[in-house]
Amino acid sequence: MSTYRARINHQIKAPELRVITEDGANLGVIPLSQAIREAQARGLDLIEISPNAVPPVAKIQDYGKFQYDEKKKQKVAKARTVTSELKNVQVKMGTGDHDLELKAKKASEWLKEGHRVKIDLFLTGRYKYMELNFLKERLDRIFKLITVEYKVAMAPLKGPKGLTTIVEKK
């Protein structure tokens, strides 16, 4: 939820406001006192909607209804956001073809769900000192088995434990 709280009636500081009625009609740019009188005459509140505009925009509306509409908008926006996690697949130099297929299948599922997948080629012992191109070829074995369209978000990087790369859905 946003921390901004709309100013209403006498909390508004701007000397002039662009005022809109509850049915969407534009009353134009009028002084604050006249806008408050207009809202009181209708039995409603004057709510500052866009304080950063020049002049600020205010709406004549019931404040309770305004709050309800704002909460409803935030709830819809929150429902639309998709959380993307970074999933991890670890492969070793001696990983067999069947195990690679299973790991690639899992990576494909995660990519379909919209997650990013970090693939680690875990190196032990003498494998740490092998040529980088050879290690990248070993990493390509799992790339070939991934069934979903993907792009490499982070090129293979050599770290203390091996080679790491990140892929994401195209």
C-alpha atoms as a PDB file:
ATOM      1  CA  MET A   1       0.000   0.000   0.000  1.00  0.00           C
ATOM      2  CA  SER A   2       1.212   3.496  -0.746  1.00  0.00           C
ATOM      3  CA  THR A   3       2.086   5.778   2.134  1.00  0.00           C
ATOM      4  CA  TYR A   4       0.561   8.816   0.397  1.00  0.00           C
ATOM      5  CA  ARG A   5      -2.671   9.977   1.998  1.00  0.00           C
ATOM      6  CA  ALA A   6      -4.852  12.319  -0.038  1.00  0.00           C
ATOM      7  CA  ARG A   7      -5.514  15.727   1.496  1.00  0.00           C
ATOM      8  CA  ILE A   8      -9.138  16.708   1.906  1.00  0.00           C
ATOM      9  CA  ASN A   9     -11.056  19.968   2.416  1.00  0.00           C
ATOM     10  CA  HIS A  10      -9.057  22.350   4.687  1.00  0.00           C
ATOM     11  CA  GLN A  11      -5.878  20.204   4.567  1.00  0.00           C
ATOM     12  CA  ILE A  12      -5.340  21.345   0.956  1.00  0.00           C
ATOM     13  CA  LYS A  13      -2.761  24.157   0.773  1.00  0.00           C
ATOM     14  CA  ALA A  14      -2.858  25.193  -2.910  1.00  0.00           C
ATOM     15  CA  PRO A  15      -4.493  28.599  -3.531  1.00  0.00           C
ATOM     16  CA  GLU A  16      -6.060  27.463  -6.832  1.00  0.00           C
ATOM     17  CA  LEU A  17      -7.260  24.053  -7.958  1.00  0.00           C
ATOM     18  CA  ARG A  18      -8.533  22.406 -11.122  1.00  0.00           C
ATOM     19  CA  VAL A  19     -11.797  20.933  -9.841  1.00  0.00           C
ATOM     20  CA  ILE A  20     -13.678  17.920 -11.182  1.00  0.00           C
ATOM     21  CA  THR A  21     -17.144  16.920  -9.949  1.00  0.00           C
ATOM     22  CA  GLU A  22     -18.164  13.402  -8.875  1.00  0.00           C
ATOM     23  CA  ASP A  23     -19.714  12.740 -12.312  1.00  0.00           C
ATOM     24  CA  GLY A  24     -16.510  13.811 -14.130  1.00  0.00           C
ATOM     25  CA  ALA A  25     -17.523  17.349 -15.178  1.00  0.00           C
ATOM     26  CA  ASN A  26     -14.676  19.866 -15.151  1.00  0.00           C
ATOM     27  CA  LEU A  27     -15.409  23.066 -13.164  1.00  0.00           C
ATOM     28  CA  GLY A  28     -12.103  24.583 -14.313  1.00  0.00           C
ATOM     29  CA  VAL A  29      -9.445  26.363 -12.249  1.00  0.00           C
ATOM     30  CA  ILE A  30     -11.053  28.000  -9.207  1.00  0.00           C
ATOM     31  CA  PRO A  31      -9.822  29.351  -5.832  1.00  0.00           C
ATOM     32  CA  LEU A  32      -9.608  26.913  -2.906  1.00  0.00           C
ATOM     33  CA  SER A  33     -12.318  28.651  -0.835  1.00  0.00           C
ATOM     34  CA  GLN A  34     -14.798  28.543  -3.719  1.00  0.00           C
ATOM     35  CA  ALA A  35     -13.999  24.849  -4.350  1.00  0.00           C
ATOM     36  CA  ILE A  36     -14.619  23.984  -0.665  1.00  0.00           C
ATOM     37  CA  ARG A  37     -17.935  25.898  -0.720  1.00  0.00           C
ATOM     38  CA  GLU A  38     -18.954  24.016  -3.888  1.00  0.00           C
ATOM     39  CA  ALA A  39     -18.159  20.657  -2.242  1.00  0.00           C
ATOM     40  CA  GLN A  40     -20.049  21.570   0.960  1.00  0.00           C
ATOM     41  CA  ALA A  41     -23.060  22.708  -1.080  1.00  0.00           C
ATOM     42  CA  ARG A  42     -23.193  19.228  -2.609  1.00  0.00           C
ATOM     43  CA  GLY A  43     -22.695  17.554   0.783  1.00  0.00           C
ATOM     44  CA  LEU A  44     -19.390  15.990  -0.333  1.00  0.00           C
ATOM     45  CA  ASP A  45     -15.643  16.380   0.275  1.00  0.00           C
ATOM     46  CA  LEU A  46     -12.979  18.133  -1.785  1.00  0.00           C
ATOM     47  CA  ILE A  47     -10.176  15.591  -2.333  1.00  0.00           C
ATOM     48  CA  GLU A  48      -6.764  16.545  -3.737  1.00  0.00           C
ATOM     49  CA  ILE A  49      -6.111  13.841  -6.359  1.00  0.00           C
ATOM     50  CA  SER A  50      -3.010  15.092  -8.125  1.00  0.00           C
ATOM     51  CA  PRO A  51      -1.002  17.418  -5.837  1.00  0.00           C
ATOM     52  CA  ASN A  52       2.009  17.677  -8.183  1.00  0.00           C
ATOM     53  CA  ALA A  53       0.061  18.955 -11.197  1.00  0.00           C
ATOM     54  CA  VAL A  54       0.050  22.678 -11.985  1.00  0.00           C
ATOM     55  CA  PRO A  55      -2.495  23.697 -10.753  1.00  0.00           C
ATOM     56  CA  PRO A  56      -3.240  20.716  -8.460  1.00  0.00           C
ATOM     57  CA  VAL A  57      -6.271  18.604  -9.396  1.00  0.00           C
ATOM     58  CA  ALA A  58      -9.051  18.056  -6.857  1.00  0.00           C
ATOM     59  CA  LYS A  59     -12.260  16.070  -7.075  1.00  0.00           C
ATOM     60  CA  ILE A  60     -15.574  16.661  -5.370  1.00  0.00           C
ATOM     61  CA  GLN A  61     -16.528  13.215  -4.048  1.00  0.00           C
ATOM     62  CA  ASP A  62     -17.449  11.345  -0.870  1.00  0.00           C
ATOM     63  CA  TYR A  63     -14.126  10.604   0.915  1.00  0.00           C
ATOM     64  CA  GLY A  64     -15.248   7.137   2.042  1.00  0.00           C
ATOM     65  CA  LYS A  65     -16.066   6.165  -1.554  1.00  0.00           C
ATOM     66  CA  PHE A  66     -12.704   7.584  -2.693  1.00  0.00           C
ATOM     67  CA  GLN A  67     -10.840   5.443  -0.120  1.00  0.00           C
ATOM     68  CA  TYR A  68     -12.837   2.364  -1.148  1.00  0.00           C
ATOM     69  CA  ASP A  69     -12.008   2.920  -4.841  1.00  0.00           C
ATOM     70  CA  GLU A  70      -8.289   3.433  -4.059  1.00  0.00           C
ATOM     71  CA  LYS A  71      -8.100   0.201  -2.021  1.00  0.00           C
ATOM     72  CA  LYS A  72      -9.872  -1.630  -4.826  1.00  0.00           C
ATOM     73  CA  LYS A  73      -7.339  -0.292  -7.399  1.00  0.00           C
ATOM     74  CA  GLN A  74      -4.406  -1.323  -5.187  1.00  0.00           C
ATOM     75  CA  LYS A  75      -5.856  -4.805  -4.706  1.00  0.00           C
ATOM     76  CA  VAL A  76      -6.207  -5.272  -8.484  1.00  0.00           C
ATOM     77  CA  ALA A  77      -2.668  -3.954  -9.063  1.00  0.00           C
ATOM     78  CA  LYS A  78      -1.280  -6.307  -6.407  1.00  0.00           C
ATOM     79  CA  ALA A  79      -3.055  -9.275  -7.975  1.00  0.00           C
ATOM     80  CA  ARG A  80      -1.507  -8.484 -11.365  1.00  0.00           C
ATOM     81  CA  THR A  81       2.076  -8.401 -10.133  1.00  0.00           C
ATOM     82  CA  VAL A  82       3.961 -11.584 -10.831  1.00  0.00           C
ATOM     83  CA  THR A  83       6.693 -12.545  -8.433  1.00  0.00           C
ATOM     84  CA  SER A  84       9.697 -14.008 -10.140  1.00  0.00           C
ATOM     85  CA  GLU A  85      12.124 -16.080  -8.150  1.00  0.00           C
ATOM     86  CA  LEU A  86      15.637 -17.164  -8.946  1.00  0.00           C
ATOM     87  CA  LYS A  87      15.585 -20.974  -9.044  1.00  0.00           C
ATOM     88  CA  ASN A  88      18.788 -22.983  -8.858  1.00  0.00           C
ATOM     89  CA  VAL A  89      19.971 -26.077 -10.743  1.00  0.00           C
ATOM     90  CA  GLN A  90      23.309 -27.676  -9.805  1.00  0.00           C
ATOM     91  CA  VAL A  91      25.128 -29.869 -12.297  1.00  0.00           C
ATOM     92  CA  LYS A  92      28.452 -31.625 -11.774  1.00  0.00           C
ATOM     93  CA  MET A  93      30.972 -32.677 -14.410  1.00  0.00           C
ATOM     94  CA  GLY A  94      30.076 -36.350 -14.098  1.00  0.00           C
ATOM     95  CA  THR A  95      26.281 -35.871 -14.151  1.00  0.00           C
ATOM     96  CA  GLY A  96      24.746 -38.533 -16.381  1.00  0.00           C
ATOM     97  CA  ASP A  97      22.499 -37.858 -19.380  1.00  0.00           C
ATOM     98  CA  HIS A  98      19.314 -39.006 -17.636  1.00  0.00           C
ATOM     99  CA  ASP A  99      19.951 -36.757 -14.621  1.00  0.00           C
ATOM    100  CA  LEU A 100      20.713 -33.847 -16.970  1.00  0.00           C
ATOM    101  CA  GLU A 101      17.378 -34.440 -18.729  1.00  0.00           C
ATOM    102  CA  LEU A 102      15.550 -34.335 -15.379  1.00  0.00           C
ATOM    103  CA  LYS A 103      17.297 -31.127 -14.340  1.00  0.00           C
ATOM    104  CA  ALA A 104      16.613 -29.532 -17.748  1.00  0.00           C
ATOM    105  CA  LYS A 105      12.948 -30.571 -17.482  1.00  0.00           C
ATOM    106  CA  LYS A 106      12.691 -28.871 -14.069  1.00  0.00           C
ATOM    107  CA  ALA A 107      14.450 -25.762 -15.422  1.00  0.00           C
ATOM    108  CA  SER A 108      11.981 -25.704 -18.346  1.00  0.00           C
ATOM    109  CA  GLU A 109       9.031 -25.844 -15.923  1.00  0.00           C
ATOM    110  CA  TRP A 110      10.425 -22.943 -13.914  1.00  0.00           C
ATOM    111  CA  LEU A 111      11.030 -20.897 -17.071  1.00  0.00           C
ATOM    112  CA  LYS A 112       7.410 -21.541 -18.166  1.00  0.00           C
ATOM    113  CA  GLU A 113       6.251 -20.191 -14.802  1.00  0.00           C
ATOM    114  CA  GLY A 114       8.276 -17.023 -15.464  1.00  0.00           C
ATOM    115  CA  HIS A 115      11.103 -17.630 -13.007  1.00  0.00           C
ATOM    116  CA  ARG A 116      14.780 -17.067 -13.738  1.00  0.00           C
ATOM    117  CA  VAL A 117      16.990 -20.144 -13.485  1.00  0.00           C
ATOM    118  CA  LYS A 118      20.573 -20.117 -12.203  1.00  0.00           C
ATOM    119  CA  ILE A 119      22.571 -23.030 -13.537  1.00  0.00           C
ATOM    120  CA  ASP A 120      25.717 -23.957 -11.609  1.00  0.00           C
ATOM    121  CA  LEU A 121      28.322 -26.257 -13.082  1.00  0.00           C
ATOM    122  CA  PHE A 122      29.846 -27.422  -9.823  1.00  0.00           C
ATOM    123  CA  LEU A 123      33.561 -28.213 -10.145  1.00  0.00           C
ATOM    124  CA  THR A 124      35.658 -30.290  -7.795  1.00  0.00           C
ATOM    125  CA  GLY A 125      39.348 -31.175  -7.723  1.00  0.00           C
ATOM    126  CA  ARG A 126      41.189 -31.073 -11.032  1.00  0.00           C
ATOM    127  CA  TYR A 127      38.050 -29.997 -12.948  1.00  0.00           C
ATOM    128  CA  LYS A 128      38.541 -26.479 -11.535  1.00  0.00           C
ATOM    129  CA  TYR A 129      41.657 -26.036 -13.651  1.00  0.00           C
ATOM    130  CA  MET A 130      40.248 -27.225 -16.978  1.00  0.00           C
ATOM    131  CA  GLU A 131      40.020 -24.979 -20.005  1.00  0.00           C
ATOM    132  CA  LEU A 132      37.081 -22.530 -19.922  1.00  0.00           C
ATOM    133  CA  ASN A 133      35.808 -23.494 -23.403  1.00  0.00           C
ATOM    134  CA  PHE A 134      35.612 -27.152 -22.372  1.00  0.00           C
ATOM    135  CA  LEU A 135      33.616 -26.184 -19.282  1.00  0.00           C
ATOM    136  CA  LYS A 136      31.231 -24.042 -21.371  1.00  0.00           C
ATOM    137  CA  GLU A 137      30.647 -27.026 -23.672  1.00  0.00           C
ATOM    138  CA  ARG A 138      29.635 -29.068 -20.618  1.00  0.00           C
ATOM    139  CA  LEU A 139      27.205 -26.279 -19.675  1.00  0.00           C
ATOM    140  CA  ASP A 140      25.808 -26.260 -23.239  1.00  0.00           C
ATOM    141  CA  ARG A 141      24.738 -29.899 -22.741  1.00  0.00           C
ATOM    142  CA  ILE A 142      22.024 -28.783 -20.327  1.00  0.00           C
ATOM    143  CA  PHE A 143      21.102 -25.766 -22.496  1.00  0.00           C
ATOM    144  CA  LYS A 144      20.319 -28.094 -25.407  1.00  0.00           C
ATOM    145  CA  LEU A 145      17.917 -30.087 -23.231  1.00  0.00           C
ATOM    146  CA  ILE A 146      15.836 -27.082 -22.074  1.00  0.00           C
ATOM    147  CA  THR A 147      12.580 -27.174 -24.048  1.00  0.00           C
ATOM    148  CA  VAL A 148      11.359 -23.578 -23.469  1.00  0.00           C
ATOM    149  CA  GLU A 149      12.527 -20.537 -25.475  1.00  0.00           C
ATOM    150  CA  TYR A 150      15.051 -18.795 -23.231  1.00  0.00           C
ATOM    151  CA  LYS A 151      17.766 -16.178 -23.279  1.00  0.00           C
ATOM    152  CA  VAL A 152      20.979 -16.067 -21.297  1.00  0.00           C
ATOM    153  CA  ALA A 153      20.594 -13.218 -18.785  1.00  0.00           C
ATOM    154  CA  MET A 154      24.102 -13.620 -17.392  1.00  0.00           C
ATOM    155  CA  ALA A 155      26.930 -15.120 -19.419  1.00  0.00           C
ATOM    156  CA  PRO A 156      28.796 -18.043 -17.814  1.00  0.00           C
ATOM    157  CA  LEU A 157      31.027 -16.699 -15.055  1.00  0.00           C
ATOM    158  CA  LYS A 158      33.834 -18.651 -13.432  1.00  0.00           C
ATOM    159  CA  GLY A 159      33.698 -18.564  -9.650  1.00  0.00           C
ATOM    160  CA  PRO A 160      35.498 -20.378  -6.849  1.00  0.00           C
ATOM    161  CA  LYS A 161      33.075 -23.325  -6.979  1.00  0.00           C
ATOM    162  CA  GLY A 162      32.621 -23.540 -10.734  1.00  0.00           C
ATOM    163  CA  LEU A 163      30.749 -21.960 -13.634  1.00  0.00           C
ATOM    164  CA  THR A 164      27.513 -20.038 -13.088  1.00  0.00           C
ATOM    165  CA  THR A 165      24.991 -18.694 -15.586  1.00  0.00           C
ATOM    166  CA  ILE A 166      21.437 -17.343 -15.404  1.00  0.00           C
ATOM    167  CA  VAL A 167      18.726 -17.930 -18.019  1.00  0.00           C
ATOM    168  CA  GLU A 168      15.264 -16.406 -18.309  1.00  0.00           C
ATOM    169  CA  LYS A 169      12.221 -16.800 -20.535  1.00  0.00           C
ATOM    170  CA  LYS A 170      12.321 -14.892 -23.840  1.00  0.00           C
END
